[in-house]
Amino acid sequence: MLTILVLIGLAIQLDVGVLGVIPRLRADIGVIQRIDLIGAIVRLAILVLLAFIFLNGGVAITVSTIVIFLQYLLLRRYSAGVIDFGAPQNADDRTAMRGLIRSQAANAVFYCFQGQITIFLISFFARQSSSVAEVGALGRLAMIFVVLANLLANVFVPAFARCQERRHLRSLYLQIAGGVSLFCIVVIAAAAIFPDQFLFVLGSKYAHLHRELLLMVGSAVLAALTGTFWSLNAAKAWVAGSWLYIPLTLLTQIALIPFTDFSVVRSVLMFNLLSSVPNLLLNLALSFRGFRSLELATA
């Protein structure tokens, strides 16, 4: 039953993801905020009410599915007012989109499993289960970048996608990349200066992980930067060759395994940090090639 509920919620979420592109491209930030706020308030109200009656995992999943469906209805009503759902499909656009989806399918599947590789290696090589718990706890600090990710998805990346003027496009790219980089530097500096405050959020049993904290924050920073460059590249379909992400990551991890002690949290975090470098460099290369193609097209 839970599996069915999850699949229903996933199907609705896919529609929400597609319809959500419409207000983003139209820069209707108020609509996005209103729909998100309504969903959050309804979810909180129902869960608080049920907490005094009956609440378990199944109920929580059901509530989430209901809220997602509500957001779908709101998005559908908004979209019906700004686009024509009965408009005929453009065959060229459909072919291009299918080709893009097929080219990214392998990357999407690998991305889902890649995060579990480290957990498997820790479980296999570590002498104590606490290593898994410590890595998992430190991983929660990546939530710092959730606000940044929402801003990118709802504001900056759609603006980049809409931009058609080459000089302005380059300036916008540098502004977005520079802003994200500055935010990342601030987070790293804060973690270095106030490690106790960061670790306090995780609980007293993780208060000793000062060195590990910087490595985890460093990994989160690299992930945020890579995600930013990838989002900008994807907005302009500068993704040809992105399949190299898979072999580059695997080769890097295979090369690092002999030098990594997976029973030590610090070594595991360093493994994660170094494993993410090739993907960052790859996305920078894709961006460079994308801008070069624009220059050649206008030459």
C-alpha atoms as a PDB file:
ATOM      1  CA  MET A   1       0.000   0.000   0.000  1.00  0.00           C
ATOM      2  CA  LEU A   2       2.805   2.405   0.894  1.00  0.00           C
ATOM      3  CA  THR A   3       4.516   1.621  -2.396  1.00  0.00           C
ATOM      4  CA  ILE A   4       1.335   2.505  -4.295  1.00  0.00           C
ATOM      5  CA  LEU A   5       1.029   5.803  -2.411  1.00  0.00           C
ATOM      6  CA  VAL A   6       4.647   6.649  -3.160  1.00  0.00           C
ATOM      7  CA  LEU A   7       4.196   5.860  -6.861  1.00  0.00           C
ATOM      8  CA  ILE A   8       1.032   7.982  -7.019  1.00  0.00           C
ATOM      9  CA  GLY A   9       2.845  10.868  -5.350  1.00  0.00           C
ATOM     10  CA  LEU A  10       5.780  10.431  -7.735  1.00  0.00           C
ATOM     11  CA  ALA A  11       3.497  10.524 -10.787  1.00  0.00           C
ATOM     12  CA  ILE A  12       1.847  13.720  -9.571  1.00  0.00           C
ATOM     13  CA  GLN A  13       5.229  15.221  -8.694  1.00  0.00           C
ATOM     14  CA  LEU A  14       6.408  14.646 -12.268  1.00  0.00           C
ATOM     15  CA  ASP A  15       3.454  16.687 -13.546  1.00  0.00           C
ATOM     16  CA  VAL A  16       4.159  19.375 -10.941  1.00  0.00           C
ATOM     17  CA  GLY A  17       7.773  19.491 -12.102  1.00  0.00           C
ATOM     18  CA  VAL A  18       6.719  20.030 -15.713  1.00  0.00           C
ATOM     19  CA  LEU A  19       4.032  22.627 -14.949  1.00  0.00           C
ATOM     20  CA  GLY A  20       6.375  24.383 -12.530  1.00  0.00           C
ATOM     21  CA  VAL A  21       8.571  25.393 -15.456  1.00  0.00           C
ATOM     22  CA  ILE A  22       5.828  27.721 -16.729  1.00  0.00           C
ATOM     23  CA  PRO A  23       5.827  30.293 -13.879  1.00  0.00           C
ATOM     24  CA  ARG A  24       9.621  30.080 -13.706  1.00  0.00           C
ATOM     25  CA  LEU A  25      10.108  30.965 -17.350  1.00  0.00           C
ATOM     26  CA  ARG A  26       7.505  33.736 -17.026  1.00  0.00           C
ATOM     27  CA  ALA A  27       9.294  35.019 -13.883  1.00  0.00           C
ATOM     28  CA  ASP A  28       6.043  34.779 -11.890  1.00  0.00           C
ATOM     29  CA  ILE A  29       7.879  34.426  -8.588  1.00  0.00           C
ATOM     30  CA  GLY A  30       4.770  35.367  -6.604  1.00  0.00           C
ATOM     31  CA  VAL A  31       2.897  32.393  -8.044  1.00  0.00           C
ATOM     32  CA  ILE A  32       5.730  30.016  -7.136  1.00  0.00           C
ATOM     33  CA  GLN A  33       5.932  31.384  -3.597  1.00  0.00           C
ATOM     34  CA  ARG A  34       2.170  31.274  -3.108  1.00  0.00           C
ATOM     35  CA  ILE A  35       1.849  27.662  -4.243  1.00  0.00           C
ATOM     36  CA  ASP A  36       4.816  26.563  -2.113  1.00  0.00           C
ATOM     37  CA  LEU A  37       3.474  28.447   0.914  1.00  0.00           C
ATOM     38  CA  ILE A  38      -0.023  27.001   0.559  1.00  0.00           C
ATOM     39  CA  GLY A  39       1.425  23.503   0.306  1.00  0.00           C
ATOM     40  CA  ALA A  40       3.624  23.991   3.372  1.00  0.00           C
ATOM     41  CA  ILE A  41       0.786  25.438   5.475  1.00  0.00           C
ATOM     42  CA  VAL A  42      -1.660  22.683   4.507  1.00  0.00           C
ATOM     43  CA  ARG A  43       0.919  19.968   5.175  1.00  0.00           C
ATOM     44  CA  LEU A  44       1.826  21.433   8.567  1.00  0.00           C
ATOM     45  CA  ALA A  45      -1.804  21.936   9.596  1.00  0.00           C
ATOM     46  CA  ILE A  46      -2.814  18.371   8.719  1.00  0.00           C
ATOM     47  CA  LEU A  47       0.219  16.806  10.396  1.00  0.00           C
ATOM     48  CA  VAL A  48      -0.248  18.859  13.580  1.00  0.00           C
ATOM     49  CA  LEU A  49      -3.907  17.843  13.705  1.00  0.00           C
ATOM     50  CA  LEU A  50      -3.137  14.169  13.107  1.00  0.00           C
ATOM     51  CA  ALA A  51      -0.337  14.216  15.686  1.00  0.00           C
ATOM     52  CA  PHE A  52      -3.026  14.360  18.376  1.00  0.00           C
ATOM     53  CA  ILE A  53      -5.006  11.520  16.782  1.00  0.00           C
ATOM     54  CA  PHE A  54      -2.863   9.051  14.870  1.00  0.00           C
ATOM     55  CA  LEU A  55       0.361   9.511  12.956  1.00  0.00           C
ATOM     56  CA  ASN A  56       2.811   7.107  11.342  1.00  0.00           C
ATOM     57  CA  GLY A  57       4.850   6.797   8.167  1.00  0.00           C
ATOM     58  CA  GLY A  58       1.903   5.766   6.025  1.00  0.00           C
ATOM     59  CA  VAL A  59      -0.179   8.717   7.170  1.00  0.00           C
ATOM     60  CA  ALA A  60       2.701  11.109   6.514  1.00  0.00           C
ATOM     61  CA  ILE A  61       3.132   9.755   2.970  1.00  0.00           C
ATOM     62  CA  THR A  62      -0.614  10.072   2.350  1.00  0.00           C
ATOM     63  CA  VAL A  63      -0.580  13.683   3.534  1.00  0.00           C
ATOM     64  CA  SER A  64       2.387  14.476   1.301  1.00  0.00           C
ATOM     65  CA  THR A  65       0.603  12.950  -1.687  1.00  0.00           C
ATOM     66  CA  ILE A  66      -2.520  15.007  -0.970  1.00  0.00           C
ATOM     67  CA  VAL A  67      -0.480  18.214  -0.706  1.00  0.00           C
ATOM     68  CA  ILE A  68       1.369  17.473  -3.947  1.00  0.00           C
ATOM     69  CA  PHE A  69      -1.992  16.930  -5.669  1.00  0.00           C
ATOM     70  CA  LEU A  70      -3.233  20.260  -4.291  1.00  0.00           C
ATOM     71  CA  GLN A  71      -0.161  22.003  -5.679  1.00  0.00           C
ATOM     72  CA  TYR A  72      -0.752  20.275  -9.009  1.00  0.00           C
ATOM     73  CA  LEU A  73      -4.312  21.632  -9.134  1.00  0.00           C
ATOM     74  CA  LEU A  74      -3.100  25.153  -8.342  1.00  0.00           C
ATOM     75  CA  LEU A  75      -0.388  24.976 -10.995  1.00  0.00           C
ATOM     76  CA  ARG A  76      -2.808  23.528 -13.533  1.00  0.00           C
ATOM     77  CA  ARG A  77      -5.275  26.367 -12.963  1.00  0.00           C
ATOM     78  CA  TYR A  78      -2.538  28.983 -13.286  1.00  0.00           C
ATOM     79  CA  SER A  79      -1.077  27.350 -16.400  1.00  0.00           C
ATOM     80  CA  ALA A  80      -4.476  27.151 -18.112  1.00  0.00           C
ATOM     81  CA  GLY A  81      -4.648  30.937 -17.948  1.00  0.00           C
ATOM     82  CA  VAL A  82      -1.302  31.590 -19.614  1.00  0.00           C
ATOM     83  CA  ILE A  83      -0.817  28.765 -22.140  1.00  0.00           C
ATOM     84  CA  ASP A  84      -3.018  26.809 -24.540  1.00  0.00           C
ATOM     85  CA  PHE A  85      -3.085  23.140 -23.520  1.00  0.00           C
ATOM     86  CA  GLY A  86      -4.813  22.336 -26.803  1.00  0.00           C
ATOM     87  CA  ALA A  87      -2.041  23.753 -28.971  1.00  0.00           C
ATOM     88  CA  PRO A  88      -0.517  21.239 -31.423  1.00  0.00           C
ATOM     89  CA  GLN A  89       2.905  19.822 -30.645  1.00  0.00           C
ATOM     90  CA  ASN A  90       5.941  20.973 -32.579  1.00  0.00           C
ATOM     91  CA  ALA A  91       7.553  17.882 -34.105  1.00  0.00           C
ATOM     92  CA  ASP A  92      11.065  19.378 -34.113  1.00  0.00           C
ATOM     93  CA  ASP A  93      10.820  20.431 -30.464  1.00  0.00           C
ATOM     94  CA  ARG A  94       9.483  17.017 -29.483  1.00  0.00           C
ATOM     95  CA  THR A  95      12.342  15.250 -31.279  1.00  0.00           C
ATOM     96  CA  ALA A  96      14.925  17.546 -29.677  1.00  0.00           C
ATOM     97  CA  MET A  97      13.480  17.018 -26.195  1.00  0.00           C
ATOM     98  CA  ARG A  98      13.391  13.245 -26.603  1.00  0.00           C
ATOM     99  CA  GLY A  99      16.995  13.250 -27.760  1.00  0.00           C
ATOM    100  CA  LEU A 100      18.020  15.376 -24.788  1.00  0.00           C
ATOM    101  CA  ILE A 101      16.201  13.100 -22.338  1.00  0.00           C
ATOM    102  CA  ARG A 102      17.758   9.967 -23.832  1.00  0.00           C
ATOM    103  CA  SER A 103      21.231  11.492 -23.681  1.00  0.00           C
ATOM    104  CA  GLN A 104      20.827  12.290 -19.974  1.00  0.00           C
ATOM    105  CA  ALA A 105      19.120   9.059 -18.874  1.00  0.00           C
ATOM    106  CA  ALA A 106      22.364   7.261 -17.983  1.00  0.00           C
ATOM    107  CA  ASN A 107      23.613  10.252 -15.984  1.00  0.00           C
ATOM    108  CA  ALA A 108      20.344  10.434 -14.047  1.00  0.00           C
ATOM    109  CA  VAL A 109      20.467   6.743 -13.125  1.00  0.00           C
ATOM    110  CA  PHE A 110      24.138   6.924 -12.157  1.00  0.00           C
ATOM    111  CA  TYR A 111      23.501  10.025 -10.033  1.00  0.00           C
ATOM    112  CA  CYS A 112      20.881   8.105  -8.046  1.00  0.00           C
ATOM    113  CA  PHE A 113      23.293   5.292  -7.223  1.00  0.00           C
ATOM    114  CA  GLN A 114      26.541   7.235  -6.991  1.00  0.00           C
ATOM    115  CA  GLY A 115      25.739   8.619  -3.558  1.00  0.00           C
ATOM    116  CA  GLN A 116      25.271   5.098  -2.232  1.00  0.00           C
ATOM    117  CA  ILE A 117      28.716   3.944  -3.351  1.00  0.00           C
ATOM    118  CA  THR A 118      30.407   5.648  -0.415  1.00  0.00           C
ATOM    119  CA  ILE A 119      27.937   4.166   2.068  1.00  0.00           C
ATOM    120  CA  PHE A 120      28.578   0.701   0.630  1.00  0.00           C
ATOM    121  CA  LEU A 121      32.349   1.130   0.874  1.00  0.00           C
ATOM    122  CA  ILE A 122      32.092   2.335   4.481  1.00  0.00           C
ATOM    123  CA  SER A 123      29.813  -0.555   5.400  1.00  0.00           C
ATOM    124  CA  PHE A 124      32.153  -3.048   3.753  1.00  0.00           C
ATOM    125  CA  PHE A 125      35.490  -1.760   5.036  1.00  0.00           C
ATOM    126  CA  ALA A 126      34.702   0.114   8.269  1.00  0.00           C
ATOM    127  CA  ARG A 127      35.323  -1.595  11.585  1.00  0.00           C
ATOM    128  CA  GLN A 128      32.537   0.233  13.400  1.00  0.00           C
ATOM    129  CA  SER A 129      29.042   1.280  12.406  1.00  0.00           C
ATOM    130  CA  SER A 130      29.492   4.730  13.955  1.00  0.00           C
ATOM    131  CA  SER A 131      31.431   5.777  10.844  1.00  0.00           C
ATOM    132  CA  VAL A 132      28.284   5.471   8.745  1.00  0.00           C
ATOM    133  CA  ALA A 133      26.300   7.468  11.320  1.00  0.00           C
ATOM    134  CA  GLU A 134      28.912  10.226  11.475  1.00  0.00           C
ATOM    135  CA  VAL A 135      29.103  10.608   7.704  1.00  0.00           C
ATOM    136  CA  GLY A 136      25.305  10.666   7.531  1.00  0.00           C
ATOM    137  CA  ALA A 137      25.057  13.271  10.286  1.00  0.00           C
ATOM    138  CA  LEU A 138      27.621  15.550   8.665  1.00  0.00           C
ATOM    139  CA  GLY A 139      25.787  15.148   5.373  1.00  0.00           C
ATOM    140  CA  ARG A 140      22.795  16.931   6.881  1.00  0.00           C
ATOM    141  CA  LEU A 141      24.825  20.139   6.862  1.00  0.00           C
ATOM    142  CA  ALA A 142      24.360  20.226   3.092  1.00  0.00           C
ATOM    143  CA  MET A 143      20.835  21.482   3.831  1.00  0.00           C
ATOM    144  CA  ILE A 144      22.478  24.914   4.163  1.00  0.00           C
ATOM    145  CA  PHE A 145      22.401  25.078   0.380  1.00  0.00           C
ATOM    146  CA  VAL A 146      18.681  24.296   0.003  1.00  0.00           C
ATOM    147  CA  VAL A 147      17.738  27.992  -0.022  1.00  0.00           C
ATOM    148  CA  LEU A 148      20.417  28.668  -2.623  1.00  0.00           C
ATOM    149  CA  ALA A 149      19.170  25.766  -4.754  1.00  0.00           C
ATOM    150  CA  ASN A 150      15.614  27.134  -4.655  1.00  0.00           C
ATOM    151  CA  LEU A 151      16.785  30.591  -5.699  1.00  0.00           C
ATOM    152  CA  LEU A 152      18.715  29.101  -8.591  1.00  0.00           C
ATOM    153  CA  ALA A 153      15.831  26.911  -9.750  1.00  0.00           C
ATOM    154  CA  ASN A 154      13.121  29.562  -9.436  1.00  0.00           C
ATOM    155  CA  VAL A 155      14.889  32.829 -10.260  1.00  0.00           C
ATOM    156  CA  PHE A 156      18.407  32.773 -11.675  1.00  0.00           C
ATOM    157  CA  VAL A 157      18.429  29.740 -13.985  1.00  0.00           C
ATOM    158  CA  PRO A 158      15.109  30.690 -15.682  1.00  0.00           C
ATOM    159  CA  ALA A 159      16.495  34.201 -16.229  1.00  0.00           C
ATOM    160  CA  PHE A 160      19.604  32.671 -17.790  1.00  0.00           C
ATOM    161  CA  ALA A 161      17.444  30.411 -19.980  1.00  0.00           C
ATOM    162  CA  ARG A 162      15.409  33.397 -21.240  1.00  0.00           C
ATOM    163  CA  CYS A 163      18.456  35.501 -22.076  1.00  0.00           C
ATOM    164  CA  GLN A 164      19.277  35.490 -25.811  1.00  0.00           C
ATOM    165  CA  GLU A 165      21.826  38.327 -26.083  1.00  0.00           C
ATOM    166  CA  ARG A 166      25.358  36.877 -26.066  1.00  0.00           C
ATOM    167  CA  ARG A 167      27.120  39.649 -24.139  1.00  0.00           C
ATOM    168  CA  HIS A 168      24.394  39.853 -21.510  1.00  0.00           C
ATOM    169  CA  LEU A 169      24.391  36.049 -21.272  1.00  0.00           C
ATOM    170  CA  ARG A 170      28.084  35.976 -20.387  1.00  0.00           C
ATOM    171  CA  SER A 171      27.611  38.737 -17.816  1.00  0.00           C
ATOM    172  CA  LEU A 172      24.645  36.931 -16.272  1.00  0.00           C
ATOM    173  CA  TYR A 173      26.610  33.678 -16.100  1.00  0.00           C
ATOM    174  CA  LEU A 174      29.489  35.382 -14.311  1.00  0.00           C
ATOM    175  CA  GLN A 175      27.125  37.123 -11.890  1.00  0.00           C
ATOM    176  CA  ILE A 176      25.348  33.879 -10.969  1.00  0.00           C
ATOM    177  CA  ALA A 177      28.564  31.867 -10.694  1.00  0.00           C
ATOM    178  CA  GLY A 178      30.244  34.667  -8.745  1.00  0.00           C
ATOM    179  CA  GLY A 179      27.319  35.012  -6.340  1.00  0.00           C
ATOM    180  CA  VAL A 180      27.227  31.280  -5.643  1.00  0.00           C
ATOM    181  CA  SER A 181      31.009  31.186  -5.208  1.00  0.00           C
ATOM    182  CA  LEU A 182      30.866  34.078  -2.742  1.00  0.00           C
ATOM    183  CA  PHE A 183      28.140  32.327  -0.752  1.00  0.00           C
ATOM    184  CA  CYS A 184      30.245  29.148  -0.686  1.00  0.00           C
ATOM    185  CA  ILE A 185      33.286  31.053   0.571  1.00  0.00           C
ATOM    186  CA  VAL A 186      31.193  32.576   3.368  1.00  0.00           C
ATOM    187  CA  VAL A 187      29.915  29.124   4.394  1.00  0.00           C
ATOM    188  CA  ILE A 188      33.428  27.638   4.461  1.00  0.00           C
ATOM    189  CA  ALA A 189      34.742  30.604   6.459  1.00  0.00           C
ATOM    190  CA  ALA A 190      31.857  30.322   8.927  1.00  0.00           C
ATOM    191  CA  ALA A 191      32.492  26.592   9.376  1.00  0.00           C
ATOM    192  CA  ALA A 192      36.190  27.260   9.987  1.00  0.00           C
ATOM    193  CA  ILE A 193      35.565  30.081  12.483  1.00  0.00           C
ATOM    194  CA  PHE A 194      32.499  28.665  14.246  1.00  0.00           C
ATOM    195  CA  PRO A 195      32.826  24.855  14.067  1.00  0.00           C
ATOM    196  CA  ASP A 196      31.204  24.311  17.465  1.00  0.00           C
ATOM    197  CA  GLN A 197      28.059  26.136  16.387  1.00  0.00           C
ATOM    198  CA  PHE A 198      27.778  24.021  13.234  1.00  0.00           C
ATOM    199  CA  LEU A 199      28.310  20.768  15.127  1.00  0.00           C
ATOM    200  CA  PHE A 200      25.870  21.818  17.863  1.00  0.00           C
ATOM    201  CA  VAL A 201      23.075  21.452  15.323  1.00  0.00           C
ATOM    202  CA  LEU A 202      23.990  17.776  14.855  1.00  0.00           C
ATOM    203  CA  GLY A 203      24.072  16.896  18.539  1.00  0.00           C
ATOM    204  CA  SER A 204      26.623  16.445  21.309  1.00  0.00           C
ATOM    205  CA  LYS A 205      27.899  13.046  20.137  1.00  0.00           C
ATOM    206  CA  TYR A 206      29.257  14.659  16.960  1.00  0.00           C
ATOM    207  CA  ALA A 207      30.968  17.587  18.706  1.00  0.00           C
ATOM    208  CA  HIS A 208      34.441  16.106  18.125  1.00  0.00           C
ATOM    209  CA  LEU A 209      34.254  16.168  14.316  1.00  0.00           C
ATOM    210  CA  HIS A 210      35.991  19.514  13.789  1.00  0.00           C
ATOM    211  CA  ARG A 211      38.332  18.478  10.958  1.00  0.00           C
ATOM    212  CA  GLU A 212      35.671  16.327   9.394  1.00  0.00           C
ATOM    213  CA  LEU A 213      33.312  19.317   9.399  1.00  0.00           C
ATOM    214  CA  LEU A 214      35.465  21.301   6.985  1.00  0.00           C
ATOM    215  CA  LEU A 215      35.796  18.336   4.643  1.00  0.00           C
ATOM    216  CA  MET A 216      32.036  17.818   4.591  1.00  0.00           C
ATOM    217  CA  VAL A 217      31.365  21.516   4.035  1.00  0.00           C
ATOM    218  CA  GLY A 218      33.980  21.460   1.282  1.00  0.00           C
ATOM    219  CA  SER A 219      32.171  18.558  -0.390  1.00  0.00           C
ATOM    220  CA  ALA A 220      28.847  20.389  -0.082  1.00  0.00           C
ATOM    221  CA  VAL A 221      30.409  23.508  -1.592  1.00  0.00           C
ATOM    222  CA  LEU A 222      31.775  21.565  -4.560  1.00  0.00           C
ATOM    223  CA  ALA A 223      28.373  19.922  -5.025  1.00  0.00           C
ATOM    224  CA  ALA A 224      26.672  23.337  -4.947  1.00  0.00           C
ATOM    225  CA  LEU A 225      29.088  24.799  -7.488  1.00  0.00           C
ATOM    226  CA  THR A 226      28.796  21.765  -9.747  1.00  0.00           C
ATOM    227  CA  GLY A 227      25.007  21.876  -9.486  1.00  0.00           C
ATOM    228  CA  THR A 228      25.032  25.564 -10.398  1.00  0.00           C
ATOM    229  CA  PHE A 229      27.181  25.078 -13.483  1.00  0.00           C
ATOM    230  CA  TRP A 230      25.145  22.046 -14.513  1.00  0.00           C
ATOM    231  CA  SER A 231      21.859  23.955 -14.165  1.00  0.00           C
ATOM    232  CA  LEU A 232      23.181  26.816 -16.282  1.00  0.00           C
ATOM    233  CA  ASN A 233      24.503  24.410 -18.914  1.00  0.00           C
ATOM    234  CA  ALA A 234      21.243  22.455 -18.996  1.00  0.00           C
ATOM    235  CA  ALA A 235      19.250  25.686 -19.380  1.00  0.00           C
ATOM    236  CA  LYS A 236      21.014  26.255 -22.700  1.00  0.00           C
ATOM    237  CA  ALA A 237      21.312  22.547 -23.641  1.00  0.00           C
ATOM    238  CA  TRP A 238      25.101  22.717 -23.362  1.00  0.00           C
ATOM    239  CA  VAL A 239      25.170  19.095 -22.248  1.00  0.00           C
ATOM    240  CA  ALA A 240      26.758  17.225 -25.164  1.00  0.00           C
ATOM    241  CA  GLY A 241      29.519  15.124 -23.639  1.00  0.00           C
ATOM    242  CA  SER A 242      28.087  15.222 -20.129  1.00  0.00           C
ATOM    243  CA  TRP A 243      28.085  11.406 -20.200  1.00  0.00           C
ATOM    244  CA  LEU A 244      31.799  11.671 -19.368  1.00  0.00           C
ATOM    245  CA  TYR A 245      30.616  12.338 -15.797  1.00  0.00           C
ATOM    246  CA  ILE A 246      30.165   8.585 -15.315  1.00  0.00           C
ATOM    247  CA  PRO A 247      33.587   7.257 -16.406  1.00  0.00           C
ATOM    248  CA  LEU A 248      35.459  10.215 -14.912  1.00  0.00           C
ATOM    249  CA  THR A 249      33.819   9.718 -11.515  1.00  0.00           C
ATOM    250  CA  LEU A 250      34.279   5.939 -11.544  1.00  0.00           C
ATOM    251  CA  LEU A 251      37.917   6.160 -12.624  1.00  0.00           C
ATOM    252  CA  THR A 252      38.629   8.743  -9.929  1.00  0.00           C
ATOM    253  CA  GLN A 253      37.015   6.606  -7.241  1.00  0.00           C
ATOM    254  CA  ILE A 254      38.804   3.458  -8.402  1.00  0.00           C
ATOM    255  CA  ALA A 255      42.116   5.331  -8.298  1.00  0.00           C
ATOM    256  CA  LEU A 256      41.375   6.623  -4.779  1.00  0.00           C
ATOM    257  CA  ILE A 257      40.242   3.325  -3.221  1.00  0.00           C
ATOM    258  CA  PRO A 258      43.782   1.945  -2.563  1.00  0.00           C
ATOM    259  CA  PHE A 259      44.705   5.158  -0.729  1.00  0.00           C
ATOM    260  CA  THR A 260      41.518   5.516   1.321  1.00  0.00           C
ATOM    261  CA  ASP A 261      40.944   4.074   4.793  1.00  0.00           C
ATOM    262  CA  PHE A 262      37.172   3.670   4.859  1.00  0.00           C
ATOM    263  CA  SER A 263      37.215   2.977   8.582  1.00  0.00           C
ATOM    264  CA  VAL A 264      38.217   6.610   9.198  1.00  0.00           C
ATOM    265  CA  VAL A 265      35.552   9.257   8.657  1.00  0.00           C
ATOM    266  CA  ARG A 266      38.096  11.865   7.581  1.00  0.00           C
ATOM    267  CA  SER A 267      39.397   9.613   4.801  1.00  0.00           C
ATOM    268  CA  VAL A 268      35.876   8.869   3.609  1.00  0.00           C
ATOM    269  CA  LEU A 269      35.049  12.565   3.385  1.00  0.00           C
ATOM    270  CA  MET A 270      38.266  13.238   1.487  1.00  0.00           C
ATOM    271  CA  PHE A 271      37.279  10.427  -0.890  1.00  0.00           C
ATOM    272  CA  ASN A 272      33.938  12.162  -1.482  1.00  0.00           C
ATOM    273  CA  LEU A 273      35.587  15.544  -1.939  1.00  0.00           C
ATOM    274  CA  LEU A 274      38.097  14.384  -4.535  1.00  0.00           C
ATOM    275  CA  SER A 275      35.510  12.253  -6.343  1.00  0.00           C
ATOM    276  CA  SER A 276      33.423  15.346  -7.090  1.00  0.00           C
ATOM    277  CA  VAL A 277      36.260  17.352  -8.670  1.00  0.00           C
ATOM    278  CA  PRO A 278      36.090  15.762 -12.177  1.00  0.00           C
ATOM    279  CA  ASN A 279      32.389  16.583 -12.517  1.00  0.00           C
ATOM    280  CA  LEU A 280      33.034  20.203 -11.538  1.00  0.00           C
ATOM    281  CA  LEU A 281      35.793  20.520 -14.134  1.00  0.00           C
ATOM    282  CA  LEU A 282      33.633  18.790 -16.751  1.00  0.00           C
ATOM    283  CA  ASN A 283      30.792  21.273 -16.257  1.00  0.00           C
ATOM    284  CA  LEU A 284      33.194  24.194 -16.495  1.00  0.00           C
ATOM    285  CA  ALA A 285      34.458  22.736 -19.777  1.00  0.00           C
ATOM    286  CA  LEU A 286      30.875  22.370 -21.054  1.00  0.00           C
ATOM    287  CA  SER A 287      30.195  26.016 -20.193  1.00  0.00           C
ATOM    288  CA  PHE A 288      33.341  27.148 -21.984  1.00  0.00           C
ATOM    289  CA  ARG A 289      32.400  25.146 -25.072  1.00  0.00           C
ATOM    290  CA  GLY A 290      28.857  26.517 -24.948  1.00  0.00           C
ATOM    291  CA  PHE A 291      30.047  30.115 -25.015  1.00  0.00           C
ATOM    292  CA  ARG A 292      32.539  29.267 -27.755  1.00  0.00           C
ATOM    293  CA  SER A 293      29.729  27.847 -29.876  1.00  0.00           C
ATOM    294  CA  LEU A 294      27.787  31.101 -29.444  1.00  0.00           C
ATOM    295  CA  GLU A 295      30.795  33.137 -30.579  1.00  0.00           C
ATOM    296  CA  LEU A 296      31.275  30.945 -33.647  1.00  0.00           C
ATOM    297  CA  ALA A 297      27.565  31.146 -34.481  1.00  0.00           C
ATOM    298  CA  THR A 298      27.602  34.958 -34.418  1.00  0.00           C
ATOM    299  CA  ALA A 299      30.981  35.367 -36.114  1.00  0.00           C
END
